[in-house]
Amino acid sequence: MLRENFILKDKNYILLVLFIFVILSFQNWYFGSLTSQNQELININKEVLSSYKELIDNHLKYSEDVHYMRITAENLEKQNKELMEKTERLNELFFDQMY
């Protein structure tokens, strides 16, 4: 009877150790899976961040280009206005001399 009790205890310990081993194996697999998913998310986040930085750089360049074009357009308008005034004066001089 005493020997049977020890055998039952041994079987219970073996089952407990086996159960703990199975739980630890599952936990190890699960955490490995989570780590893999986390690494994929980190890589995707890096790609998004890189794209966002490129978008910001392109926006800044576009803003500078628009600013340059606006200044150029204003200068061209001034030059055009000056040319129109000179043309009007030349026309007045030319027509005044003719009549």
PDB file of N, CA and C in Angstrom:
ATOM      1  N   MET A   1       0.814  -1.182   0.000  1.00  0.00           N
ATOM      2  CA  MET A   1       0.000   0.000   0.000  1.00  0.00           C
ATOM      3  C   MET A   1       0.869   1.262   0.000  1.00  0.00           C
ATOM      4  N   LEU A   2       1.880   1.222   0.831  1.00  0.00           N
ATOM      5  CA  LEU A   2       2.783   2.354   0.905  1.00  0.00           C
ATOM      6  C   LEU A   2       3.513   2.537  -0.426  1.00  0.00           C
ATOM      7  N   ARG A   3       3.903   1.427  -1.007  1.00  0.00           N
ATOM      8  CA  ARG A   3       4.601   1.474  -2.287  1.00  0.00           C
ATOM      9  C   ARG A   3       3.672   1.997  -3.382  1.00  0.00           C
ATOM     10  N   GLU A   4       2.420   1.609  -3.371  1.00  0.00           N
ATOM     11  CA  GLU A   4       1.446   2.090  -4.359  1.00  0.00           C
ATOM     12  C   GLU A   4       1.233   3.592  -4.212  1.00  0.00           C
ATOM     13  N   ASN A   5       1.253   4.081  -2.993  1.00  0.00           N
ATOM     14  CA  ASN A   5       1.122   5.510  -2.736  1.00  0.00           C
ATOM     15  C   ASN A   5       2.277   6.281  -3.369  1.00  0.00           C
ATOM     16  N   PHE A   6       3.491   5.771  -3.217  1.00  0.00           N
ATOM     17  CA  PHE A   6       4.658   6.416  -3.828  1.00  0.00           C
ATOM     18  C   PHE A   6       4.566   6.394  -5.348  1.00  0.00           C
ATOM     19  N   ILE A   7       4.079   5.289  -5.891  1.00  0.00           N
ATOM     20  CA  ILE A   7       3.931   5.179  -7.350  1.00  0.00           C
ATOM     21  C   ILE A   7       2.912   6.195  -7.847  1.00  0.00           C
ATOM     22  N   LEU A   8       1.793   6.357  -7.132  1.00  0.00           N
ATOM     23  CA  LEU A   8       0.788   7.355  -7.518  1.00  0.00           C
ATOM     24  C   LEU A   8       1.361   8.767  -7.431  1.00  0.00           C
ATOM     25  N   LYS A   9       2.129   9.034  -6.373  1.00  0.00           N
ATOM     26  CA  LYS A   9       2.751  10.352  -6.242  1.00  0.00           C
ATOM     27  C   LYS A   9       3.733  10.585  -7.388  1.00  0.00           C
ATOM     28  N   ASP A  10       4.508   9.562  -7.712  1.00  0.00           N
ATOM     29  CA  ASP A  10       5.458   9.680  -8.821  1.00  0.00           C
ATOM     30  C   ASP A  10       4.727   9.952 -10.128  1.00  0.00           C
ATOM     31  N   LYS A  11       3.632   9.259 -10.366  1.00  0.00           N
ATOM     32  CA  LYS A  11       2.847   9.483 -11.591  1.00  0.00           C
ATOM     33  C   LYS A  11       2.274  10.892 -11.605  1.00  0.00           C
ATOM     34  N   ASN A  12       1.796  11.346 -10.459  1.00  0.00           N
ATOM     35  CA  ASN A  12       1.257  12.710 -10.381  1.00  0.00           C
ATOM     36  C   ASN A  12       2.348  13.741 -10.660  1.00  0.00           C
ATOM     37  N   TYR A  13       3.546  13.517 -10.109  1.00  0.00           N
ATOM     38  CA  TYR A  13       4.652  14.435 -10.369  1.00  0.00           C
ATOM     39  C   TYR A  13       5.046  14.417 -11.846  1.00  0.00           C
ATOM     40  N   ILE A  14       5.064  13.223 -12.417  1.00  0.00           N
ATOM     41  CA  ILE A  14       5.401  13.111 -13.846  1.00  0.00           C
ATOM     42  C   ILE A  14       4.359  13.832 -14.684  1.00  0.00           C
ATOM     43  N   LEU A  15       3.076  13.641 -14.364  1.00  0.00           N
ATOM     44  CA  LEU A  15       2.011  14.339 -15.092  1.00  0.00           C
ATOM     45  C   LEU A  15       2.109  15.847 -14.890  1.00  0.00           C
ATOM     46  N   LEU A  16       2.414  16.279 -13.684  1.00  0.00           N
ATOM     47  CA  LEU A  16       2.562  17.708 -13.412  1.00  0.00           C
ATOM     48  C   LEU A  16       3.726  18.294 -14.208  1.00  0.00           C
ATOM     49  N   VAL A  17       4.848  17.599 -14.214  1.00  0.00           N
ATOM     50  CA  VAL A  17       6.015  18.064 -14.975  1.00  0.00           C
ATOM     51  C   VAL A  17       5.692  18.085 -16.464  1.00  0.00           C
ATOM     52  N   LEU A  18       5.016  17.061 -16.946  1.00  0.00           N
ATOM     53  CA  LEU A  18       4.628  17.014 -18.356  1.00  0.00           C
ATOM     54  C   LEU A  18       3.678  18.156 -18.697  1.00  0.00           C
ATOM     55  N   PHE A  19       2.716  18.419 -17.817  1.00  0.00           N
ATOM     56  CA  PHE A  19       1.769  19.514 -18.027  1.00  0.00           C
ATOM     57  C   PHE A  19       2.502  20.856 -18.064  1.00  0.00           C
ATOM     58  N   ILE A  20       3.412  21.056 -17.122  1.00  0.00           N
ATOM     59  CA  ILE A  20       4.190  22.302 -17.092  1.00  0.00           C
ATOM     60  C   ILE A  20       5.035  22.427 -18.354  1.00  0.00           C
ATOM     61  N   PHE A  21       5.619  21.336 -18.801  1.00  0.00           N
ATOM     62  CA  PHE A  21       6.418  21.360 -20.027  1.00  0.00           C
ATOM     63  C   PHE A  21       5.554  21.747 -21.227  1.00  0.00           C
ATOM     64  N   VAL A  22       4.352  21.171 -21.326  1.00  0.00           N
ATOM     65  CA  VAL A  22       3.448  21.503 -22.435  1.00  0.00           C
ATOM     66  C   VAL A  22       3.050  22.972 -22.373  1.00  0.00           C
ATOM     67  N   ILE A  23       2.713  23.461 -21.191  1.00  0.00           N
ATOM     68  CA  ILE A  23       2.336  24.874 -21.033  1.00  0.00           C
ATOM     69  C   ILE A  23       3.502  25.781 -21.411  1.00  0.00           C
ATOM     70  N   LEU A  24       4.699  25.463 -20.950  1.00  0.00           N
ATOM     71  CA  LEU A  24       5.871  26.284 -21.282  1.00  0.00           C
ATOM     72  C   LEU A  24       6.184  26.240 -22.771  1.00  0.00           C
ATOM     73  N   SER A  25       6.010  25.082 -23.389  1.00  0.00           N
ATOM     74  CA  SER A  25       6.239  24.972 -24.834  1.00  0.00           C
ATOM     75  C   SER A  25       5.243  25.829 -25.597  1.00  0.00           C
ATOM     76  N   PHE A  26       3.975  25.748 -25.201  1.00  0.00           N
ATOM     77  CA  PHE A  26       2.951  26.567 -25.859  1.00  0.00           C
ATOM     78  C   PHE A  26       3.237  28.047 -25.656  1.00  0.00           C
ATOM     79  N   GLN A  27       3.611  28.420 -24.426  1.00  0.00           N
ATOM     80  CA  GLN A  27       3.912  29.814 -24.128  1.00  0.00           C
ATOM     81  C   GLN A  27       5.108  30.293 -24.952  1.00  0.00           C
ATOM     82  N   ASN A  28       6.121  29.466 -25.082  1.00  0.00           N
ATOM     83  CA  ASN A  28       7.294  29.808 -25.876  1.00  0.00           C
ATOM     84  C   ASN A  28       6.904  30.015 -27.338  1.00  0.00           C
ATOM     85  N   TRP A  29       6.095  29.112 -27.875  1.00  0.00           N
ATOM     86  CA  TRP A  29       5.633  29.245 -29.267  1.00  0.00           C
ATOM     87  C   TRP A  29       4.807  30.513 -29.435  1.00  0.00           C
ATOM     88  N   TYR A  30       3.915  30.779 -28.484  1.00  0.00           N
ATOM     89  CA  TYR A  30       3.031  31.942 -28.561  1.00  0.00           C
ATOM     90  C   TYR A  30       3.840  33.237 -28.510  1.00  0.00           C
ATOM     91  N   PHE A  31       4.789  33.321 -27.574  1.00  0.00           N
ATOM     92  CA  PHE A  31       5.612  34.527 -27.482  1.00  0.00           C
ATOM     93  C   PHE A  31       6.508  34.683 -28.707  1.00  0.00           C
ATOM     94  N   GLY A  32       6.968  33.572 -29.272  1.00  0.00           N
ATOM     95  CA  GLY A  32       7.734  33.645 -30.519  1.00  0.00           C
ATOM     96  C   GLY A  32       6.885  34.194 -31.649  1.00  0.00           C
ATOM     97  N   SER A  33       5.636  33.756 -31.704  1.00  0.00           N
ATOM     98  CA  SER A  33       4.710  34.260 -32.721  1.00  0.00           C
ATOM     99  C   SER A  33       4.453  35.750 -32.525  1.00  0.00           C
ATOM    100  N   LEU A  34       4.245  36.163 -31.282  1.00  0.00           N
ATOM    101  CA  LEU A  34       4.029  37.586 -30.998  1.00  0.00           C
ATOM    102  C   LEU A  34       5.258  38.415 -31.342  1.00  0.00           C
ATOM    103  N   THR A  35       6.434  37.884 -31.062  1.00  0.00           N
ATOM    104  CA  THR A  35       7.673  38.589 -31.395  1.00  0.00           C
ATOM    105  C   THR A  35       7.805  38.763 -32.903  1.00  0.00           C
ATOM    106  N   SER A  36       7.461  37.730 -33.643  1.00  0.00           N
ATOM    107  CA  SER A  36       7.514  37.798 -35.101  1.00  0.00           C
ATOM    108  C   SER A  36       6.534  38.846 -35.630  1.00  0.00           C
ATOM    109  N   GLN A  37       5.320  38.844 -35.107  1.00  0.00           N
ATOM    110  CA  GLN A  37       4.329  39.836 -35.530  1.00  0.00           C
ATOM    111  C   GLN A  37       4.779  41.239 -35.158  1.00  0.00           C
ATOM    112  N   ASN A  38       5.369  41.373 -33.986  1.00  0.00           N
ATOM    113  CA  ASN A  38       5.858  42.673 -33.546  1.00  0.00           C
ATOM    114  C   ASN A  38       6.961  43.175 -34.472  1.00  0.00           C
ATOM    115  N   GLN A  39       7.851  42.283 -34.893  1.00  0.00           N
ATOM    116  CA  GLN A  39       8.928  42.675 -35.811  1.00  0.00           C
ATOM    117  C   GLN A  39       8.359  43.115 -37.155  1.00  0.00           C
ATOM    118  N   GLU A  40       7.332  42.412 -37.636  1.00  0.00           N
ATOM    119  CA  GLU A  40       6.682  42.808 -38.886  1.00  0.00           C
ATOM    120  C   GLU A  40       6.063  44.193 -38.749  1.00  0.00           C
ATOM    121  N   LEU A  41       5.409  44.444 -37.617  1.00  0.00           N
ATOM    122  CA  LEU A  41       4.816  45.763 -37.391  1.00  0.00           C
ATOM    123  C   LEU A  41       5.881  46.850 -37.304  1.00  0.00           C
ATOM    124  N   ILE A  42       7.009  46.533 -36.697  1.00  0.00           N
ATOM    125  CA  ILE A  42       8.108  47.501 -36.620  1.00  0.00           C
ATOM    126  C   ILE A  42       8.614  47.821 -38.026  1.00  0.00           C
ATOM    127  N   ASN A  43       8.770  46.802 -38.872  1.00  0.00           N
ATOM    128  CA  ASN A  43       9.233  47.029 -40.246  1.00  0.00           C
ATOM    129  C   ASN A  43       8.231  47.866 -41.033  1.00  0.00           C
ATOM    130  N   ILE A  44       6.943  47.566 -40.875  1.00  0.00           N
ATOM    131  CA  ILE A  44       5.912  48.352 -41.562  1.00  0.00           C
ATOM    132  C   ILE A  44       5.941  49.790 -41.063  1.00  0.00           C
ATOM    133  N   ASN A  45       6.106  49.963 -39.759  1.00  0.00           N
ATOM    134  CA  ASN A  45       6.169  51.303 -39.183  1.00  0.00           C
ATOM    135  C   ASN A  45       7.361  52.079 -39.737  1.00  0.00           C
ATOM    136  N   LYS A  46       8.499  51.405 -39.914  1.00  0.00           N
ATOM    137  CA  LYS A  46       9.676  52.064 -40.494  1.00  0.00           C
ATOM    138  C   LYS A  46       9.394  52.510 -41.923  1.00  0.00           C
ATOM    139  N   GLU A  47       8.706  51.659 -42.702  1.00  0.00           N
ATOM    140  CA  GLU A  47       8.369  52.018 -44.078  1.00  0.00           C
ATOM    141  C   GLU A  47       7.435  53.221 -44.110  1.00  0.00           C
ATOM    142  N   VAL A  48       6.438  53.217 -43.225  1.00  0.00           N
ATOM    143  CA  VAL A  48       5.491  54.335 -43.172  1.00  0.00           C
ATOM    144  C   VAL A  48       6.211  55.614 -42.772  1.00  0.00           C
ATOM    145  N   LEU A  49       7.091  55.516 -41.789  1.00  0.00           N
ATOM    146  CA  LEU A  49       7.844  56.686 -41.341  1.00  0.00           C
ATOM    147  C   LEU A  49       8.729  57.223 -42.461  1.00  0.00           C
ATOM    148  N   SER A  50       9.366  56.330 -43.201  1.00  0.00           N
ATOM    149  CA  SER A  50      10.205  56.744 -44.327  1.00  0.00           C
ATOM    150  C   SER A  50       9.366  57.445 -45.389  1.00  0.00           C
ATOM    151  N   SER A  51       8.203  56.878 -45.699  1.00  0.00           N
ATOM    152  CA  SER A  51       7.308  57.498 -46.683  1.00  0.00           C
ATOM    153  C   SER A  51       6.826  58.857 -46.193  1.00  0.00           C
ATOM    154  N   TYR A  52       6.531  58.944 -44.906  1.00  0.00           N
ATOM    155  CA  TYR A  52       6.069  60.207 -44.332  1.00  0.00           C
ATOM    156  C   TYR A  52       7.162  61.266 -44.418  1.00  0.00           C
ATOM    157  N   LYS A  53       8.410  60.867 -44.137  1.00  0.00           N
ATOM    158  CA  LYS A  53       9.521  61.816 -44.245  1.00  0.00           C
ATOM    159  C   LYS A  53       9.681  62.299 -45.687  1.00  0.00           C
ATOM    160  N   GLU A  54       9.564  61.374 -46.641  1.00  0.00           N
ATOM    161  CA  GLU A  54       9.646  61.757 -48.050  1.00  0.00           C
ATOM    162  C   GLU A  54       8.518  62.712 -48.411  1.00  0.00           C
ATOM    163  N   LEU A  55       7.329  62.443 -47.897  1.00  0.00           N
ATOM    164  CA  LEU A  55       6.184  63.307 -48.160  1.00  0.00           C
ATOM    165  C   LEU A  55       6.419  64.705 -47.610  1.00  0.00           C
ATOM    166  N   ILE A  56       6.965  64.793 -46.412  1.00  0.00           N
ATOM    167  CA  ILE A  56       7.263  66.101 -45.820  1.00  0.00           C
ATOM    168  C   ILE A  56       8.324  66.824 -46.646  1.00  0.00           C
ATOM    169  N   ASP A  57       9.381  66.109 -47.045  1.00  0.00           N
ATOM    170  CA  ASP A  57      10.431  66.725 -47.862  1.00  0.00           C
ATOM    171  C   ASP A  57       9.869  67.232 -49.181  1.00  0.00           C
ATOM    172  N   ASN A  58       9.025  66.415 -49.819  1.00  0.00           N
ATOM    173  CA  ASN A  58       8.418  66.834 -51.084  1.00  0.00           C
ATOM    174  C   ASN A  58       7.497  68.028 -50.887  1.00  0.00           C
ATOM    175  N   HIS A  59       6.778  68.043 -49.768  1.00  0.00           N
ATOM    176  CA  HIS A  59       5.894  69.178 -49.488  1.00  0.00           C
ATOM    177  C   HIS A  59       6.707  70.457 -49.303  1.00  0.00           C
ATOM    178  N   LEU A  60       7.817  70.350 -48.565  1.00  0.00           N
ATOM    179  CA  LEU A  60       8.664  71.527 -48.362  1.00  0.00           C
ATOM    180  C   LEU A  60       9.244  72.020 -49.684  1.00  0.00           C
ATOM    181  N   LYS A  61       9.702  71.080 -50.518  1.00  0.00           N
ATOM    182  CA  LYS A  61      10.246  71.464 -51.821  1.00  0.00           C
ATOM    183  C   LYS A  61       9.159  72.104 -52.680  1.00  0.00           C
ATOM    184  N   TYR A  62       7.965  71.514 -52.661  1.00  0.00           N
ATOM    185  CA  TYR A  62       6.846  72.060 -53.426  1.00  0.00           C
ATOM    186  C   TYR A  62       6.506  73.460 -52.933  1.00  0.00           C
ATOM    187  N   SER A  63       6.504  73.658 -51.612  1.00  0.00           N
ATOM    188  CA  SER A  63       6.201  74.978 -51.046  1.00  0.00           C
ATOM    189  C   SER A  63       7.238  76.002 -51.492  1.00  0.00           C
ATOM    190  N   GLU A  64       8.516  75.594 -51.486  1.00  0.00           N
ATOM    191  CA  GLU A  64       9.569  76.504 -51.949  1.00  0.00           C
ATOM    192  C   GLU A  64       9.392  76.824 -53.427  1.00  0.00           C
ATOM    193  N   ASP A  65       9.055  75.816 -54.226  1.00  0.00           N
ATOM    194  CA  ASP A  65       8.839  76.037 -55.656  1.00  0.00           C
ATOM    195  C   ASP A  65       7.669  76.979 -55.897  1.00  0.00           C
ATOM    196  N   VAL A  66       6.583  76.785 -55.151  1.00  0.00           N
ATOM    197  CA  VAL A  66       5.414  77.660 -55.297  1.00  0.00           C
ATOM    198  C   VAL A  66       5.779  79.080 -54.902  1.00  0.00           C
ATOM    199  N   HIS A  67       6.538  79.236 -53.822  1.00  0.00           N
ATOM    200  CA  HIS A  67       6.963  80.565 -53.384  1.00  0.00           C
ATOM    201  C   HIS A  67       7.830  81.224 -54.464  1.00  0.00           C
ATOM    202  N   TYR A  68       8.764  80.463 -55.026  1.00  0.00           N
ATOM    203  CA  TYR A  68       9.622  80.994 -56.087  1.00  0.00           C
ATOM    204  C   TYR A  68       8.787  81.386 -57.303  1.00  0.00           C
ATOM    205  N   MET A  69       7.826  80.541 -57.671  1.00  0.00           N
ATOM    206  CA  MET A  69       6.972  80.848 -58.827  1.00  0.00           C
ATOM    207  C   MET A  69       6.121  82.086 -58.566  1.00  0.00           C
ATOM    208  N   ARG A  70       5.646  82.253 -57.339  1.00  0.00           N
ATOM    209  CA  ARG A  70       4.843  83.429 -56.998  1.00  0.00           C
ATOM    210  C   ARG A  70       5.688  84.696 -57.127  1.00  0.00           C
ATOM    211  N   ILE A  71       6.911  84.647 -56.609  1.00  0.00           N
ATOM    212  CA  ILE A  71       7.797  85.815 -56.711  1.00  0.00           C
ATOM    213  C   ILE A  71       8.115  86.104 -58.174  1.00  0.00           C
ATOM    214  N   THR A  72       8.390  85.046 -58.950  1.00  0.00           N
ATOM    215  CA  THR A  72       8.684  85.222 -60.368  1.00  0.00           C
ATOM    216  C   THR A  72       7.490  85.830 -61.093  1.00  0.00           C
ATOM    217  N   ALA A  73       6.286  85.352 -60.779  1.00  0.00           N
ATOM    218  CA  ALA A  73       5.079  85.893 -61.418  1.00  0.00           C
ATOM    219  C   ALA A  73       4.892  87.363 -61.056  1.00  0.00           C
ATOM    220  N   GLU A  74       5.134  87.717 -59.801  1.00  0.00           N
ATOM    221  CA  GLU A  74       5.012  89.121 -59.394  1.00  0.00           C
ATOM    222  C   GLU A  74       6.029  89.984 -60.130  1.00  0.00           C
ATOM    223  N   ASN A  75       7.260  89.496 -60.258  1.00  0.00           N
ATOM    224  CA  ASN A  75       8.290  90.254 -60.984  1.00  0.00           C
ATOM    225  C   ASN A  75       7.923  90.396 -62.455  1.00  0.00           C
ATOM    226  N   LEU A  76       7.398  89.327 -63.052  1.00  0.00           N
ATOM    227  CA  LEU A  76       6.982  89.409 -64.453  1.00  0.00           C
ATOM    228  C   LEU A  76       5.831  90.394 -64.629  1.00  0.00           C
ATOM    229  N   GLU A  77       4.913  90.423 -63.676  1.00  0.00           N
ATOM    230  CA  GLU A  77       3.813  91.391 -63.751  1.00  0.00           C
ATOM    231  C   GLU A  77       4.347  92.818 -63.677  1.00  0.00           C
ATOM    232  N   LYS A  78       5.320  93.051 -62.801  1.00  0.00           N
ATOM    233  CA  LYS A  78       5.918  94.387 -62.699  1.00  0.00           C
ATOM    234  C   LYS A  78       6.611  94.762 -64.006  1.00  0.00           C
ATOM    235  N   GLN A  79       7.397  93.812 -64.546  1.00  0.00           N
ATOM    236  CA  GLN A  79       8.086  94.082 -65.809  1.00  0.00           C
ATOM    237  C   GLN A  79       7.086  94.327 -66.930  1.00  0.00           C
ATOM    238  N   ASN A  80       6.029  93.551 -66.960  1.00  0.00           N
ATOM    239  CA  ASN A  80       5.004  93.726 -67.988  1.00  0.00           C
ATOM    240  C   ASN A  80       4.345  95.094 -67.859  1.00  0.00           C
ATOM    241  N   LYS A  81       4.060  95.495 -66.628  1.00  0.00           N
ATOM    242  CA  LYS A  81       3.452  96.808 -66.400  1.00  0.00           C
ATOM    243  C   LYS A  81       4.393  97.913 -66.874  1.00  0.00           C
ATOM    244  N   GLU A  82       5.677  97.793 -66.543  1.00  0.00           N
ATOM    245  CA  GLU A  82       6.659  98.793 -66.981  1.00  0.00           C
ATOM    246  C   GLU A  82       6.747  98.833 -68.505  1.00  0.00           C
ATOM    247  N   LEU A  83       6.761  97.659 -69.137  1.00  0.00           N
ATOM    248  CA  LEU A  83       6.817  97.614 -70.600  1.00  0.00           C
ATOM    249  C   LEU A  83       5.568  98.231 -71.224  1.00  0.00           C
ATOM    250  N   MET A  84       4.418  97.969 -70.635  1.00  0.00           N
ATOM    251  CA  MET A  84       3.179  98.562 -71.158  1.00  0.00           C
ATOM    252  C   MET A  84       3.213 100.083 -71.033  1.00  0.00           C
ATOM    253  N   GLU A  85       3.714 100.583 -69.902  1.00  0.00           N
ATOM    254  CA  GLU A  85       3.822 102.032 -69.719  1.00  0.00           C
ATOM    255  C   GLU A  85       4.784 102.632 -70.740  1.00  0.00           C
ATOM    256  N   LYS A  86       5.921 101.975 -70.961  1.00  0.00           N
ATOM    257  CA  LYS A  86       6.881 102.472 -71.956  1.00  0.00           C
ATOM    258  C   LYS A  86       6.279 102.435 -73.354  1.00  0.00           C
ATOM    259  N   THR A  87       5.556 101.355 -73.646  1.00  0.00           N
ATOM    260  CA  THR A  87       4.918 101.244 -74.962  1.00  0.00           C
ATOM    261  C   THR A  87       3.890 102.347 -75.154  1.00  0.00           C
ATOM    262  N   GLU A  88       3.106 102.630 -74.127  1.00  0.00           N
ATOM    263  CA  GLU A  88       2.112 103.706 -74.222  1.00  0.00           C
ATOM    264  C   GLU A  88       2.791 105.049 -74.437  1.00  0.00           C
ATOM    265  N   ARG A  89       3.898 105.290 -73.734  1.00  0.00           N
ATOM    266  CA  ARG A  89       4.622 106.550 -73.921  1.00  0.00           C
ATOM    267  C   ARG A  89       5.198 106.654 -75.332  1.00  0.00           C
ATOM    268  N   LEU A  90       5.761 105.529 -75.817  1.00  0.00           N
ATOM    269  CA  LEU A  90       6.299 105.540 -77.179  1.00  0.00           C
ATOM    270  C   LEU A  90       5.187 105.762 -78.198  1.00  0.00           C
ATOM    271  N   ASN A  91       4.047 105.145 -77.993  1.00  0.00           N
ATOM    272  CA  ASN A  91       2.904 105.356 -78.893  1.00  0.00           C
ATOM    273  C   ASN A  91       2.461 106.808 -78.867  1.00  0.00           C
ATOM    274  N   GLU A  92       2.394 107.390 -77.671  1.00  0.00           N
ATOM    275  CA  GLU A  92       1.997 108.793 -77.562  1.00  0.00           C
ATOM    276  C   GLU A  92       2.996 109.680 -78.298  1.00  0.00           C
ATOM    277  N   LEU A  93       4.310 109.426 -78.104  1.00  0.00           N
ATOM    278  CA  LEU A  93       5.330 110.219 -78.785  1.00  0.00           C
ATOM    279  C   LEU A  93       5.237 110.038 -80.297  1.00  0.00           C
ATOM    280  N   PHE A  94       5.068 108.810 -80.729  1.00  0.00           N
ATOM    281  CA  PHE A  94       5.011 108.524 -82.156  1.00  0.00           C
ATOM    282  C   PHE A  94       3.790 109.175 -82.797  1.00  0.00           C
ATOM    283  N   PHE A  95       2.637 109.021 -82.155  1.00  0.00           N
ATOM    284  CA  PHE A  95       1.418 109.587 -82.738  1.00  0.00           C
ATOM    285  C   PHE A  95       1.387 111.100 -82.607  1.00  0.00           C
ATOM    286  N   ASP A  96       2.009 111.643 -81.552  1.00  0.00           N
ATOM    287  CA  ASP A  96       2.076 113.094 -81.417  1.00  0.00           C
ATOM    288  C   ASP A  96       2.950 113.686 -82.515  1.00  0.00           C
ATOM    289  N   GLN A  97       4.013 113.002 -82.892  1.00  0.00           N
ATOM    290  CA  GLN A  97       4.893 113.493 -83.941  1.00  0.00           C
ATOM    291  C   GLN A  97       4.223 113.380 -85.304  1.00  0.00           C
ATOM    292  N   MET A  98       3.390 112.374 -85.479  1.00  0.00           N
ATOM    293  CA  MET A  98       2.735 112.196 -86.771  1.00  0.00           C
ATOM    294  C   MET A  98       1.662 113.246 -86.992  1.00  0.00           C
ATOM    295  N   TYR A  99       0.995 113.683 -85.966  1.00  0.00           N
ATOM    296  CA  TYR A  99      -0.111 114.626 -86.164  1.00  0.00           C
ATOM    297  C   TYR A  99       0.277 115.962 -85.718  1.00  0.00           C
TER     298      TYR A  99
END
